[in-house]
Amino acid sequence: MACASFYHLSRYYYNLYSFLSELTMPLPPVTSLKIAEPFDDSAFFEYACDRCNAPVCERQTLIGLALGVEEETLCVRCLEAQQDLEQAVFLPKTKRYIQSRDCFKKPWNAVAEQAQNCPLLPLGQCPCQDL
């Protein structure tokens, strides 16, 4: 019985050692990594999320209003969490609703040109672009 326990314990430590050895190995250099230049987003983002302090543009504010959130200014990520939906479902569904209602569609389209200047667009992180 003691041999079996010793065997399992020695295998455990061997596996742990192997795992830790792999972690300490040097990684190959990354050559294709694009580092974004710092940008001043204060000119584009007029608001900040009341929950996480993320920058919020006019379209994100409009998404919140379309969902009935009037007391708080929330970013898209916090709105997704509040609605308990994933981004893949949340944004298309919300954008379809906005485009189906003139009271939301007109302001959405009015800031379309401004939305093309979003500092997050080149990084692929702008949540409010048209589909």
Protein backbone atom coordinates (compact mmCIF):
# COMPACT_ATOMS: atom_id res chain seq x y z
CA MET A 1 0.00 0.00 0.00
CA ALA A 2 2.82 2.37 0.85
CA CYS A 3 4.47 1.69 -2.52
CA ALA A 4 1.34 2.69 -4.41
CA SER A 5 1.11 5.95 -2.49
CA PHE A 6 4.79 6.67 -3.05
CA TYR A 7 4.39 5.95 -6.76
CA HIS A 8 1.44 8.36 -7.12
CA LEU A 9 3.22 11.01 -5.10
CA SER A 10 6.39 10.71 -7.17
CA ARG A 11 4.34 10.95 -10.43
CA TYR A 12 2.60 14.03 -9.06
CA TYR A 13 5.91 15.77 -8.32
CA TYR A 14 7.36 14.70 -11.66
CA ASN A 15 4.36 16.17 -13.51
CA LEU A 16 4.51 19.34 -11.44
CA TYR A 17 8.23 19.71 -12.16
CA SER A 18 7.66 19.18 -15.89
CA PHE A 19 4.88 21.75 -15.92
CA LEU A 20 6.94 24.35 -14.07
CA SER A 21 9.94 23.71 -16.33
CA GLU A 22 7.81 24.49 -19.36
CA LEU A 23 6.66 27.74 -17.77
CA THR A 24 10.20 28.95 -17.20
CA MET A 25 11.37 28.21 -20.75
CA PRO A 26 11.96 31.39 -22.77
CA LEU A 27 9.28 32.22 -25.28
CA PRO A 28 10.11 32.85 -28.92
CA PRO A 29 10.13 36.52 -29.93
CA VAL A 30 6.86 37.95 -31.21
CA THR A 31 7.43 39.81 -34.45
CA SER A 32 3.92 40.28 -35.76
CA LEU A 33 2.52 42.01 -32.67
CA LYS A 34 1.09 45.43 -33.44
CA ILE A 35 1.34 47.85 -30.57
CA ALA A 36 -1.26 50.57 -30.77
CA GLU A 37 -0.08 54.12 -30.53
CA PRO A 38 -1.50 55.99 -27.56
CA PHE A 39 -4.38 58.21 -28.52
CA ASP A 40 -6.30 60.99 -26.92
CA ASP A 41 -9.83 59.63 -26.77
CA SER A 42 -11.25 62.51 -24.73
CA ALA A 43 -12.18 64.35 -27.93
CA PHE A 44 -14.25 61.41 -29.19
CA PHE A 45 -15.71 59.94 -26.02
CA GLU A 46 -17.79 62.51 -24.20
CA TYR A 47 -19.01 60.20 -21.45
CA ALA A 48 -17.71 57.46 -19.16
CA CYS A 49 -19.53 54.36 -17.96
CA ASP A 50 -21.01 54.85 -14.51
CA ARG A 51 -20.07 51.29 -13.51
CA CYS A 52 -16.63 50.57 -14.98
CA ASN A 53 -15.49 54.04 -16.11
CA ALA A 54 -14.91 52.83 -19.70
CA PRO A 55 -15.26 55.47 -22.43
CA VAL A 56 -18.77 55.73 -23.90
CA CYS A 57 -19.59 57.31 -27.26
CA GLU A 58 -22.90 58.77 -28.39
CA ARG A 59 -23.97 55.54 -30.09
CA GLN A 60 -23.38 53.53 -26.92
CA THR A 61 -25.48 56.07 -25.03
CA LEU A 62 -28.21 55.61 -27.63
CA ILE A 63 -28.03 51.81 -27.20
CA GLY A 64 -28.61 52.32 -23.48
CA LEU A 65 -31.59 54.60 -24.11
CA ALA A 66 -33.07 52.07 -26.55
CA LEU A 67 -32.88 49.48 -23.76
CA GLY A 68 -34.61 51.82 -21.32
CA VAL A 69 -31.52 52.66 -19.25
CA GLU A 70 -32.03 56.35 -18.51
CA GLU A 71 -30.59 56.83 -15.02
CA GLU A 72 -27.09 55.59 -15.84
CA THR A 73 -24.63 55.96 -18.69
CA LEU A 74 -23.34 52.45 -19.40
CA CYS A 75 -20.84 51.03 -21.87
CA VAL A 76 -21.82 48.16 -24.15
CA ARG A 77 -20.05 45.58 -21.96
CA CYS A 78 -22.02 46.64 -18.86
CA LEU A 79 -25.25 46.72 -20.88
CA GLU A 80 -24.54 43.17 -22.08
CA ALA A 81 -24.04 42.06 -18.48
CA GLN A 82 -27.23 43.81 -17.38
CA GLN A 83 -29.22 42.13 -20.18
CA ASP A 84 -27.41 38.82 -19.52
CA LEU A 85 -26.58 38.37 -23.22
CA GLU A 86 -23.34 37.70 -25.08
CA GLN A 87 -21.99 40.30 -27.51
CA ALA A 88 -22.66 38.03 -30.49
CA VAL A 89 -26.39 38.11 -29.66
CA PHE A 90 -26.72 41.45 -27.88
CA LEU A 91 -25.36 43.88 -30.49
CA PRO A 92 -27.13 42.53 -33.60
CA LYS A 93 -30.43 42.29 -31.73
CA THR A 94 -30.10 45.81 -30.33
CA LYS A 95 -29.01 47.30 -33.66
CA ARG A 96 -32.00 45.70 -35.42
CA TYR A 97 -34.28 47.26 -32.82
CA ILE A 98 -32.63 50.68 -33.23
CA GLN A 99 -32.97 50.50 -37.03
CA SER A 100 -36.65 49.55 -36.73
CA ARG A 101 -37.56 52.64 -34.69
CA ASP A 102 -37.28 56.09 -36.28
CA CYS A 103 -36.81 57.77 -32.91
CA PHE A 104 -33.55 55.82 -32.48
CA LYS A 105 -32.62 55.35 -36.15
CA LYS A 106 -32.34 59.06 -36.93
CA PRO A 107 -29.85 59.89 -34.14
CA TRP A 108 -27.92 56.64 -34.87
CA ASN A 109 -27.51 57.62 -38.52
CA ALA A 110 -26.81 61.27 -37.63
CA VAL A 111 -23.58 60.30 -35.89
CA ALA A 112 -22.57 57.72 -38.54
CA GLU A 113 -19.81 59.91 -39.97
CA GLN A 114 -18.46 60.67 -36.51
CA ALA A 115 -18.53 56.95 -35.66
CA GLN A 116 -16.09 56.26 -38.50
CA ASN A 117 -13.49 58.26 -36.54
CA CYS A 118 -13.75 56.06 -33.45
CA PRO A 119 -10.25 55.58 -31.97
CA LEU A 120 -11.14 51.96 -31.16
CA LEU A 121 -11.99 51.12 -34.79
CA PRO A 122 -8.39 50.44 -35.96
CA LEU A 123 -7.94 48.16 -32.95
CA GLY A 124 -11.06 46.17 -33.87
CA GLN A 125 -12.66 47.01 -30.53
CA CYS A 126 -15.41 49.43 -31.54
CA PRO A 127 -18.71 47.82 -30.48
CA CYS A 128 -21.08 50.27 -32.12
CA GLN A 129 -20.19 50.13 -35.82
CA ASP A 130 -22.90 49.29 -38.33
CA LEU A 131 -23.32 45.65 -39.24
